[in-house]
Structures are given as C-alpha cells and as structure tokens.
Amino acid sequence: MTSVRPEFGKDLRQQLMKLGLSRSEATVYLALLKYPLSSANDISKRLGISRPRGYKILEHLETKQMVYVTNQKPKRYSAVPPHIATTILARKYEESFYEALRIRESFLNSLIENKILGSSSGKIPSMSHEVSDRHTLVNEIKEMIYRCDEELLIIGTQNELIRMVYLHKSEFNSVHEKGVSLYIMGPFNKIPRDILLEILKWGECRVAENVHVRTYISDRKEIIMIPSKGSIPERNKYDCGIYIYNSDIGKTMSELFFAKWNTLDPVG
C-alpha cells in the first residue's frame, strides 16, 4: 500500500503522534490545515494514497473530533483549529491523571475514616496558597466547581472559555443540574460557536474584552486567580495562580464582579 507522504515538517507530525494520532492521521490532519474544505478525493490525490484509505483515515479523524465535516456531496473536511484539537487529544491523558487523583483522594479519606491519618488533611484547601503547574491548577478548579453549592462567578480569557468546555464540561453540567447559578464574562465574540452554545447551557454570559486574569469565585468565599499568558513576560510563570478561602475577600470580589457585570452586554 502506498505510504502517506508528509505535507508539513516531520517534527509537527511526530508531536501529533505523541498526542495519540497515528502517522497517517497526523499527516492528513496537517494537510487539512493547509487545504481546508477538501474532499476525500482531494486529500487522497494530494497525499498519493488510495481513495478508500483516504476515507478511512478521515473517518478516524472524525471519530476523534479532529475534523469538521460539511453536509454537501461529496463531503468536505476541514481541520478543527489546532488549539482545540490538541486539547481534545490531551484530554485522555488528563483523564488518566484525574483518575489517579481520585484514587489518591479515596485512599486519603479511607485513612482519615480509619483514624490512621488526621482529619486536618481534609478536602478544603488551606486558606490561601500559590497553585503551580497546569495539572494542579486544572484539578483545583475542578474541585472548587464540585464544591460550589449556590453561585459561581467566572471571568475567562478566550482560551479559558474553550478550556471550560474541553476540561470542565462534566463539572459544569453537574453544578448546573444541582441548581448553582453561573455568571460568566469573557470575550465570547472570539470563541467558536459550538463552544459558546455549550457554555450558554450552564448560565448567564456577558461579553468582556481585554481580560488578563482568569478568575473563579465560588459561593462568595473561594477564589482562584490565574494570570493569562499574554499578561506576563515570564513564560515559566504562566501556569501558576493564587487560591484564597476567605468570605470577606470573596464577598468584596463578588461585588466588584457584579459592578462590572452590570455594564456589559448579554451574549446573544
């Protein structure tokens, strides 16, 4: 069978393979980035492969949510934007990581219940501390969302709004079903429509421009603040934030949130 020829550099293809795509899937995805709205026949000709094989690879990419497909005949394919596609691929590693954290939490709770470990290591974090590295940040946000009982206020950057869907969808669905009131502000005019429609299911949304700090405020007492990548010059400081558990600070920040909220236009 004819091999799939690379359309881009070998390094790009290898990076996608490390995220879980096969060699041929990575090559076709990169080709679609260069040639959007291609048919299976177009891709097959460009890459020198049979049309049945081209269809099969495209079907695999569609199953993995890596391509958009039109309803026209013949079908035409476009690559899902890289920042979304790579997040989708990375999720399987995230899920493994969080499953390990859940096992860890269950283990610690069992030790507490059996009085082998003191209850001082309970679920609520200490009053304030720095949170560093991406995995810890994502996990801390997940746990905060799950703990929320009444009200969750969010200020999101463009990328954070996308992360909310691809990293925290199950948590937001859970608190929405629980009856938690969600208020979310951010640059909604700059995100894909499918992301916007998903977020609108969870709560009220308003358009805010020039957001530089990702902020979560839960029940007016828990706060996580994370600088956006563009707001600081030091790349190695990007994946860090501050966690605060304090009702006075939470109440004040909530009041400031709604003072800004009342000046913004609703989404839609």
C-alpha atoms as a PDB file:
ATOM      1  CA  MET A   1       0.000   0.000   0.000  1.00  0.00           C
ATOM      2  CA  THR A   2       1.279   3.474  -0.849  1.00  0.00           C
ATOM      3  CA  SER A   3       2.561   5.351   2.196  1.00  0.00           C
ATOM      4  CA  VAL A   4       1.171   8.725   3.215  1.00  0.00           C
ATOM      5  CA  ARG A   5       3.609  11.491   2.336  1.00  0.00           C
ATOM      6  CA  PRO A   6       4.016  14.336   4.850  1.00  0.00           C
ATOM      7  CA  GLU A   7       2.665  17.748   3.898  1.00  0.00           C
ATOM      8  CA  PHE A   8       4.452  19.561   6.710  1.00  0.00           C
ATOM      9  CA  GLY A   9       7.637  19.085   8.681  1.00  0.00           C
ATOM     10  CA  LYS A  10       8.354  15.756  10.342  1.00  0.00           C
ATOM     11  CA  ASP A  11       8.543  17.405  13.777  1.00  0.00           C
ATOM     12  CA  LEU A  12       4.932  18.602  13.624  1.00  0.00           C
ATOM     13  CA  ARG A  13       3.718  15.158  12.660  1.00  0.00           C
ATOM     14  CA  GLN A  14       5.717  13.490  15.419  1.00  0.00           C
ATOM     15  CA  GLN A  15       4.288  15.872  18.016  1.00  0.00           C
ATOM     16  CA  LEU A  16       0.738  14.958  16.968  1.00  0.00           C
ATOM     17  CA  MET A  17       1.688  11.278  17.115  1.00  0.00           C
ATOM     18  CA  LYS A  18       2.885  11.760  20.692  1.00  0.00           C
ATOM     19  CA  LEU A  19      -0.582  13.143  21.466  1.00  0.00           C
ATOM     20  CA  GLY A  20      -2.223   9.976  20.142  1.00  0.00           C
ATOM     21  CA  LEU A  21      -2.714  10.266  16.376  1.00  0.00           C
ATOM     22  CA  SER A  22      -1.341   7.632  14.037  1.00  0.00           C
ATOM     23  CA  ARG A  23       1.248   8.680  11.456  1.00  0.00           C
ATOM     24  CA  SER A  24      -1.325   8.761   8.644  1.00  0.00           C
ATOM     25  CA  GLU A  25      -3.924  10.611  10.780  1.00  0.00           C
ATOM     26  CA  ALA A  26      -1.361  13.250  11.737  1.00  0.00           C
ATOM     27  CA  THR A  27      -0.364  13.705   8.095  1.00  0.00           C
ATOM     28  CA  VAL A  28      -3.955  14.073   6.897  1.00  0.00           C
ATOM     29  CA  TYR A  29      -4.808  16.489   9.740  1.00  0.00           C
ATOM     30  CA  LEU A  30      -1.834  18.687   8.814  1.00  0.00           C
ATOM     31  CA  ALA A  31      -2.856  18.548   5.144  1.00  0.00           C
ATOM     32  CA  LEU A  32      -6.355  19.734   6.078  1.00  0.00           C
ATOM     33  CA  LEU A  33      -4.839  22.668   7.956  1.00  0.00           C
ATOM     34  CA  LYS A  34      -3.195  23.693   4.706  1.00  0.00           C
ATOM     35  CA  TYR A  35      -6.114  22.779   2.436  1.00  0.00           C
ATOM     36  CA  PRO A  36      -9.429  23.319   4.280  1.00  0.00           C
ATOM     37  CA  LEU A  37     -12.714  22.151   2.790  1.00  0.00           C
ATOM     38  CA  SER A  38     -11.025  19.291   0.938  1.00  0.00           C
ATOM     39  CA  SER A  39     -12.911  16.204  -0.168  1.00  0.00           C
ATOM     40  CA  ALA A  40     -11.598  12.702   0.483  1.00  0.00           C
ATOM     41  CA  ASN A  41     -10.647  12.555  -3.181  1.00  0.00           C
ATOM     42  CA  ASP A  42      -8.713  15.841  -2.899  1.00  0.00           C
ATOM     43  CA  ILE A  43      -6.758  14.597   0.111  1.00  0.00           C
ATOM     44  CA  SER A  44      -6.068  11.223  -1.478  1.00  0.00           C
ATOM     45  CA  LYS A  45      -4.651  12.842  -4.603  1.00  0.00           C
ATOM     46  CA  ARG A  46      -2.535  15.320  -2.663  1.00  0.00           C
ATOM     47  CA  LEU A  47      -1.026  12.614  -0.459  1.00  0.00           C
ATOM     48  CA  GLY A  48      -0.726   9.891  -3.084  1.00  0.00           C
ATOM     49  CA  ILE A  49      -2.944   7.334  -1.374  1.00  0.00           C
ATOM     50  CA  SER A  50      -5.980   5.355  -2.496  1.00  0.00           C
ATOM     51  CA  ARG A  51      -9.372   6.978  -2.047  1.00  0.00           C
ATOM     52  CA  PRO A  52     -10.684   4.154   0.226  1.00  0.00           C
ATOM     53  CA  ARG A  53      -7.709   4.668   2.520  1.00  0.00           C
ATOM     54  CA  GLY A  54      -8.259   8.435   2.470  1.00  0.00           C
ATOM     55  CA  TYR A  55     -11.904   7.933   3.514  1.00  0.00           C
ATOM     56  CA  LYS A  56     -10.859   5.569   6.296  1.00  0.00           C
ATOM     57  CA  ILE A  57      -8.316   8.000   7.730  1.00  0.00           C
ATOM     58  CA  LEU A  58     -10.832  10.861   7.580  1.00  0.00           C
ATOM     59  CA  GLU A  59     -13.434   8.702   9.348  1.00  0.00           C
ATOM     60  CA  HIS A  60     -10.935   8.021  12.127  1.00  0.00           C
ATOM     61  CA  LEU A  61     -10.226  11.755  12.457  1.00  0.00           C
ATOM     62  CA  GLU A  62     -13.959  12.492  12.553  1.00  0.00           C
ATOM     63  CA  THR A  63     -14.429   9.905  15.320  1.00  0.00           C
ATOM     64  CA  LYS A  64     -11.640  11.608  17.270  1.00  0.00           C
ATOM     65  CA  GLN A  65     -13.340  15.022  16.760  1.00  0.00           C
ATOM     66  CA  MET A  66     -10.337  16.328  14.841  1.00  0.00           C
ATOM     67  CA  VAL A  67     -12.206  17.473  11.709  1.00  0.00           C
ATOM     68  CA  TYR A  68     -15.314  19.407  10.739  1.00  0.00           C
ATOM     69  CA  VAL A  69     -17.459  17.784   8.012  1.00  0.00           C
ATOM     70  CA  THR A  70     -19.895  19.553   5.674  1.00  0.00           C
ATOM     71  CA  ASN A  71     -23.270  18.085   4.661  1.00  0.00           C
ATOM     72  CA  GLN A  72     -22.692  18.703   0.963  1.00  0.00           C
ATOM     73  CA  LYS A  73     -21.900  15.961  -1.554  1.00  0.00           C
ATOM     74  CA  PRO A  74     -19.176  14.995  -1.727  1.00  0.00           C
ATOM     75  CA  LYS A  75     -18.402  15.655   1.932  1.00  0.00           C
ATOM     76  CA  ARG A  76     -15.702  18.216   2.571  1.00  0.00           C
ATOM     77  CA  TYR A  77     -13.392  18.228   5.563  1.00  0.00           C
ATOM     78  CA  SER A  78     -11.599  20.947   7.492  1.00  0.00           C
ATOM     79  CA  ALA A  79      -9.228  20.586  10.428  1.00  0.00           C
ATOM     80  CA  VAL A  80     -10.517  21.559  13.863  1.00  0.00           C
ATOM     81  CA  PRO A  81      -8.366  24.554  14.976  1.00  0.00           C
ATOM     82  CA  PRO A  82      -5.087  23.301  16.486  1.00  0.00           C
ATOM     83  CA  HIS A  83      -5.620  24.853  19.946  1.00  0.00           C
ATOM     84  CA  ILE A  84      -8.900  22.918  20.221  1.00  0.00           C
ATOM     85  CA  ALA A  85      -7.684  19.735  18.513  1.00  0.00           C
ATOM     86  CA  THR A  86      -4.631  19.374  20.735  1.00  0.00           C
ATOM     87  CA  THR A  87      -6.781  19.966  23.826  1.00  0.00           C
ATOM     88  CA  ILE A  88      -9.069  17.130  22.718  1.00  0.00           C
ATOM     89  CA  LEU A  89      -6.090  14.834  22.240  1.00  0.00           C
ATOM     90  CA  ALA A  90      -4.601  15.807  25.585  1.00  0.00           C
ATOM     91  CA  ARG A  91      -7.855  15.077  27.431  1.00  0.00           C
ATOM     92  CA  LYS A  92      -7.229  11.331  27.526  1.00  0.00           C
ATOM     93  CA  TYR A  93      -4.010  11.990  29.429  1.00  0.00           C
ATOM     94  CA  GLU A  94      -5.843  14.465  31.667  1.00  0.00           C
ATOM     95  CA  GLU A  95      -8.494  11.841  32.401  1.00  0.00           C
ATOM     96  CA  SER A  96      -5.853   9.306  33.427  1.00  0.00           C
ATOM     97  CA  PHE A  97      -4.242  11.893  35.664  1.00  0.00           C
ATOM     98  CA  TYR A  98      -7.514  12.828  37.367  1.00  0.00           C
ATOM     99  CA  GLU A  99      -8.463   9.198  37.830  1.00  0.00           C
ATOM    100  CA  ALA A 100      -5.172   8.779  39.697  1.00  0.00           C
ATOM    101  CA  LEU A 101      -6.024  11.839  41.810  1.00  0.00           C
ATOM    102  CA  ARG A 102      -9.476  10.408  42.609  1.00  0.00           C
ATOM    103  CA  ILE A 103      -7.859   7.168  43.751  1.00  0.00           C
ATOM    104  CA  ARG A 104      -5.437   9.217  45.871  1.00  0.00           C
ATOM    105  CA  GLU A 105      -8.339  11.165  47.425  1.00  0.00           C
ATOM    106  CA  SER A 106     -10.237   7.964  48.171  1.00  0.00           C
ATOM    107  CA  PHE A 107      -7.115   6.472  49.744  1.00  0.00           C
ATOM    108  CA  LEU A 108      -6.560   9.515  51.993  1.00  0.00           C
ATOM    109  CA  ASN A 109     -10.222   9.635  53.019  1.00  0.00           C
ATOM    110  CA  SER A 110     -10.076   5.945  53.962  1.00  0.00           C
ATOM    111  CA  LEU A 111      -7.059   6.649  56.146  1.00  0.00           C
ATOM    112  CA  ILE A 112      -8.954   9.519  57.824  1.00  0.00           C
ATOM    113  CA  GLU A 113     -12.065   7.372  58.393  1.00  0.00           C
ATOM    114  CA  ASN A 114      -9.929   4.665  59.951  1.00  0.00           C
ATOM    115  CA  LYS A 115      -8.152   7.266  62.112  1.00  0.00           C
ATOM    116  CA  ILE A 116      -4.791   6.405  60.608  1.00  0.00           C
ATOM    117  CA  LEU A 117      -4.476   9.949  59.236  1.00  0.00           C
ATOM    118  CA  GLY A 118      -5.621  13.120  60.995  1.00  0.00           C
ATOM    119  CA  SER A 119      -8.664  14.950  59.608  1.00  0.00           C
ATOM    120  CA  SER A 120      -6.595  18.134  59.238  1.00  0.00           C
ATOM    121  CA  SER A 121      -5.815  16.949  55.701  1.00  0.00           C
ATOM    122  CA  GLY A 122      -9.491  17.234  54.712  1.00  0.00           C
ATOM    123  CA  LYS A 123     -10.908  18.270  51.348  1.00  0.00           C
ATOM    124  CA  ILE A 124     -10.984  22.065  51.731  1.00  0.00           C
ATOM    125  CA  PRO A 125      -7.523  23.504  50.940  1.00  0.00           C
ATOM    126  CA  SER A 126      -5.718  25.840  53.322  1.00  0.00           C
ATOM    127  CA  MET A 127      -6.937  29.451  53.444  1.00  0.00           C
ATOM    128  CA  SER A 128      -4.525  30.739  50.830  1.00  0.00           C
ATOM    129  CA  HIS A 129      -1.635  29.368  48.827  1.00  0.00           C
ATOM    130  CA  GLU A 130       0.067  29.513  45.455  1.00  0.00           C
ATOM    131  CA  VAL A 131      -1.004  26.939  42.893  1.00  0.00           C
ATOM    132  CA  SER A 132       1.623  25.956  40.360  1.00  0.00           C
ATOM    133  CA  ASP A 133       1.817  23.716  37.266  1.00  0.00           C
ATOM    134  CA  ARG A 134      -1.013  23.158  34.835  1.00  0.00           C
ATOM    135  CA  HIS A 135      -2.276  19.815  36.174  1.00  0.00           C
ATOM    136  CA  THR A 136      -2.596  21.120  39.730  1.00  0.00           C
ATOM    137  CA  LEU A 137      -4.405  24.241  38.534  1.00  0.00           C
ATOM    138  CA  VAL A 138      -6.917  22.279  36.480  1.00  0.00           C
ATOM    139  CA  ASN A 139      -7.554  19.862  39.334  1.00  0.00           C
ATOM    140  CA  GLU A 140      -8.009  22.664  41.872  1.00  0.00           C
ATOM    141  CA  ILE A 141     -10.567  24.342  39.586  1.00  0.00           C
ATOM    142  CA  LYS A 142     -12.396  21.015  39.155  1.00  0.00           C
ATOM    143  CA  GLU A 143     -12.605  20.506  42.917  1.00  0.00           C
ATOM    144  CA  MET A 144     -13.788  24.086  43.506  1.00  0.00           C
ATOM    145  CA  ILE A 145     -16.562  23.709  40.925  1.00  0.00           C
ATOM    146  CA  TYR A 146     -17.728  20.444  42.519  1.00  0.00           C
ATOM    147  CA  ARG A 147     -17.801  22.087  45.985  1.00  0.00           C
ATOM    148  CA  CYS A 148     -19.897  25.030  44.773  1.00  0.00           C
ATOM    149  CA  ASP A 149     -23.464  24.966  46.146  1.00  0.00           C
ATOM    150  CA  GLU A 150     -25.096  28.271  45.224  1.00  0.00           C
ATOM    151  CA  GLU A 151     -23.209  30.699  42.978  1.00  0.00           C
ATOM    152  CA  LEU A 152     -20.185  30.533  40.679  1.00  0.00           C
ATOM    153  CA  LEU A 153     -18.723  33.659  39.083  1.00  0.00           C
ATOM    154  CA  ILE A 154     -16.175  33.321  36.276  1.00  0.00           C
ATOM    155  CA  ILE A 155     -14.014  35.773  34.342  1.00  0.00           C
ATOM    156  CA  GLY A 156     -12.446  33.908  31.427  1.00  0.00           C
ATOM    157  CA  THR A 157      -9.899  34.695  28.764  1.00  0.00           C
ATOM    158  CA  GLN A 158     -10.539  33.418  25.232  1.00  0.00           C
ATOM    159  CA  ASN A 159      -8.549  30.244  25.910  1.00  0.00           C
ATOM    160  CA  GLU A 160     -10.131  29.749  29.335  1.00  0.00           C
ATOM    161  CA  LEU A 161     -13.631  29.776  27.823  1.00  0.00           C
ATOM    162  CA  ILE A 162     -12.505  26.987  25.500  1.00  0.00           C
ATOM    163  CA  ARG A 163     -10.867  25.104  28.395  1.00  0.00           C
ATOM    164  CA  MET A 164     -14.145  25.289  30.326  1.00  0.00           C
ATOM    165  CA  VAL A 165     -15.768  23.037  27.730  1.00  0.00           C
ATOM    166  CA  TYR A 166     -12.882  20.692  26.993  1.00  0.00           C
ATOM    167  CA  LEU A 167     -11.569  20.300  30.558  1.00  0.00           C
ATOM    168  CA  HIS A 168     -14.522  21.025  32.879  1.00  0.00           C
ATOM    169  CA  LYS A 169     -17.677  20.093  30.968  1.00  0.00           C
ATOM    170  CA  SER A 170     -18.727  17.328  33.373  1.00  0.00           C
ATOM    171  CA  GLU A 171     -18.206  19.585  36.411  1.00  0.00           C
ATOM    172  CA  PHE A 172     -20.263  22.425  34.920  1.00  0.00           C
ATOM    173  CA  ASN A 173     -23.037  20.034  33.901  1.00  0.00           C
ATOM    174  CA  SER A 174     -23.034  18.689  37.451  1.00  0.00           C
ATOM    175  CA  VAL A 175     -23.346  22.052  39.225  1.00  0.00           C
ATOM    176  CA  HIS A 176     -25.903  23.266  36.661  1.00  0.00           C
ATOM    177  CA  GLU A 177     -28.070  20.234  37.443  1.00  0.00           C
ATOM    178  CA  LYS A 178     -27.551  20.958  41.150  1.00  0.00           C
ATOM    179  CA  GLY A 179     -29.096  24.415  40.633  1.00  0.00           C
ATOM    180  CA  VAL A 180     -25.956  26.514  41.029  1.00  0.00           C
ATOM    181  CA  SER A 181     -26.267  29.995  39.465  1.00  0.00           C
ATOM    182  CA  LEU A 182     -23.438  30.569  36.940  1.00  0.00           C
ATOM    183  CA  TYR A 183     -22.359  34.019  35.743  1.00  0.00           C
ATOM    184  CA  ILE A 184     -19.603  34.050  33.122  1.00  0.00           C
ATOM    185  CA  MET A 185     -17.938  37.047  31.482  1.00  0.00           C
ATOM    186  CA  GLY A 186     -15.271  36.987  28.784  1.00  0.00           C
ATOM    187  CA  PRO A 187     -14.568  37.580  25.056  1.00  0.00           C
ATOM    188  CA  PHE A 188     -17.399  35.360  23.816  1.00  0.00           C
ATOM    189  CA  ASN A 189     -17.231  37.025  20.394  1.00  0.00           C
ATOM    190  CA  LYS A 190     -13.803  35.404  19.850  1.00  0.00           C
ATOM    191  CA  ILE A 191     -14.607  31.735  20.517  1.00  0.00           C
ATOM    192  CA  PRO A 192     -16.074  29.025  18.221  1.00  0.00           C
ATOM    193  CA  ARG A 193     -19.850  28.929  18.120  1.00  0.00           C
ATOM    194  CA  ASP A 194     -20.088  25.329  19.342  1.00  0.00           C
ATOM    195  CA  ILE A 195     -18.119  26.322  22.465  1.00  0.00           C
ATOM    196  CA  LEU A 196     -20.399  29.325  23.010  1.00  0.00           C
ATOM    197  CA  LEU A 197     -23.579  27.257  22.697  1.00  0.00           C
ATOM    198  CA  GLU A 198     -22.288  24.741  25.256  1.00  0.00           C
ATOM    199  CA  ILE A 199     -21.435  27.457  27.798  1.00  0.00           C
ATOM    200  CA  LEU A 200     -24.818  29.135  27.330  1.00  0.00           C
ATOM    201  CA  LYS A 201     -26.457  25.927  28.620  1.00  0.00           C
ATOM    202  CA  TRP A 202     -24.834  26.442  32.017  1.00  0.00           C
ATOM    203  CA  GLY A 203     -25.684  30.021  32.922  1.00  0.00           C
ATOM    204  CA  GLU A 204     -25.754  33.714  32.049  1.00  0.00           C
ATOM    205  CA  CYS A 205     -22.962  35.089  29.853  1.00  0.00           C
ATOM    206  CA  ARG A 206     -21.794  38.626  29.078  1.00  0.00           C
ATOM    207  CA  VAL A 207     -19.126  39.930  26.708  1.00  0.00           C
ATOM    208  CA  ALA A 208     -15.991  41.379  28.324  1.00  0.00           C
ATOM    209  CA  GLU A 209     -12.909  42.424  26.344  1.00  0.00           C
ATOM    210  CA  ASN A 210      -9.252  42.650  27.408  1.00  0.00           C
ATOM    211  CA  VAL A 211      -9.426  40.009  30.125  1.00  0.00           C
ATOM    212  CA  HIS A 212      -5.983  39.338  31.586  1.00  0.00           C
ATOM    213  CA  VAL A 213      -6.714  37.290  34.722  1.00  0.00           C
ATOM    214  CA  ARG A 214      -8.723  34.061  34.766  1.00  0.00           C
ATOM    215  CA  THR A 215     -10.890  34.184  37.900  1.00  0.00           C
ATOM    216  CA  TYR A 216     -13.250  31.754  39.625  1.00  0.00           C
ATOM    217  CA  ILE A 217     -15.298  32.860  42.660  1.00  0.00           C
ATOM    218  CA  SER A 218     -17.361  30.155  44.364  1.00  0.00           C
ATOM    219  CA  ASP A 219     -20.141  30.856  46.890  1.00  0.00           C
ATOM    220  CA  ARG A 220     -18.502  34.224  47.689  1.00  0.00           C
ATOM    221  CA  LYS A 221     -15.767  32.563  49.748  1.00  0.00           C
ATOM    222  CA  GLU A 222     -13.429  30.574  47.467  1.00  0.00           C
ATOM    223  CA  ILE A 223     -11.322  32.304  44.813  1.00  0.00           C
ATOM    224  CA  ILE A 224      -8.797  31.133  42.237  1.00  0.00           C
ATOM    225  CA  MET A 225      -6.967  33.769  40.185  1.00  0.00           C
ATOM    226  CA  ILE A 226      -4.616  32.853  37.327  1.00  0.00           C
ATOM    227  CA  PRO A 227      -2.763  35.330  35.071  1.00  0.00           C
ATOM    228  CA  SER A 228      -3.250  34.868  31.350  1.00  0.00           C
ATOM    229  CA  LYS A 229      -0.292  34.036  29.143  1.00  0.00           C
ATOM    230  CA  GLY A 230      -0.286  37.464  27.495  1.00  0.00           C
ATOM    231  CA  SER A 231      -0.272  39.432  30.740  1.00  0.00           C
ATOM    232  CA  ILE A 232       3.181  38.435  31.975  1.00  0.00           C
ATOM    233  CA  PRO A 233       6.558  38.328  30.234  1.00  0.00           C
ATOM    234  CA  GLU A 234       7.942  35.274  32.025  1.00  0.00           C
ATOM    235  CA  ARG A 235       6.767  32.142  30.210  1.00  0.00           C
ATOM    236  CA  ASN A 236       7.657  29.893  33.151  1.00  0.00           C
ATOM    237  CA  LYS A 237       5.245  31.848  35.386  1.00  0.00           C
ATOM    238  CA  TYR A 238       2.228  31.207  33.127  1.00  0.00           C
ATOM    239  CA  ASP A 239       0.925  28.078  34.835  1.00  0.00           C
ATOM    240  CA  CYS A 240       0.561  29.445  38.333  1.00  0.00           C
ATOM    241  CA  GLY A 241      -2.179  31.090  40.329  1.00  0.00           C
ATOM    242  CA  ILE A 242      -3.444  32.012  43.780  1.00  0.00           C
ATOM    243  CA  TYR A 243      -6.089  30.189  45.820  1.00  0.00           C
ATOM    244  CA  ILE A 244      -7.896  32.140  48.566  1.00  0.00           C
ATOM    245  CA  TYR A 245     -10.509  30.876  51.034  1.00  0.00           C
ATOM    246  CA  ASN A 246     -11.919  33.928  52.807  1.00  0.00           C
ATOM    247  CA  SER A 247     -15.532  35.120  52.962  1.00  0.00           C
ATOM    248  CA  ASP A 248     -14.656  38.834  53.325  1.00  0.00           C
ATOM    249  CA  ILE A 249     -12.389  38.791  50.273  1.00  0.00           C
ATOM    250  CA  GLY A 250     -14.867  36.597  48.388  1.00  0.00           C
ATOM    251  CA  LYS A 251     -17.764  38.941  49.159  1.00  0.00           C
ATOM    252  CA  THR A 252     -15.785  42.010  48.061  1.00  0.00           C
ATOM    253  CA  MET A 253     -14.636  40.377  44.835  1.00  0.00           C
ATOM    254  CA  SER A 254     -18.182  39.244  44.087  1.00  0.00           C
ATOM    255  CA  GLU A 255     -19.426  42.824  44.481  1.00  0.00           C
ATOM    256  CA  LEU A 256     -16.693  44.047  42.126  1.00  0.00           C
ATOM    257  CA  PHE A 257     -17.633  41.277  39.678  1.00  0.00           C
ATOM    258  CA  PHE A 258     -21.276  42.376  39.535  1.00  0.00           C
ATOM    259  CA  ALA A 259     -20.322  46.068  39.301  1.00  0.00           C
ATOM    260  CA  LYS A 260     -18.529  45.187  36.056  1.00  0.00           C
ATOM    261  CA  TRP A 261     -21.201  42.649  35.041  1.00  0.00           C
ATOM    262  CA  ASN A 262     -23.927  45.315  35.076  1.00  0.00           C
ATOM    263  CA  THR A 263     -22.046  47.387  32.468  1.00  0.00           C
ATOM    264  CA  LEU A 264     -21.715  44.536  29.953  1.00  0.00           C
ATOM    265  CA  ASP A 265     -23.969  43.320  27.135  1.00  0.00           C
ATOM    266  CA  PRO A 266     -25.581  39.878  27.417  1.00  0.00           C
ATOM    267  CA  VAL A 267     -24.421  37.264  24.926  1.00  0.00           C
ATOM    268  CA  GLY A 268     -26.964  36.661  22.186  1.00  0.00           C
END
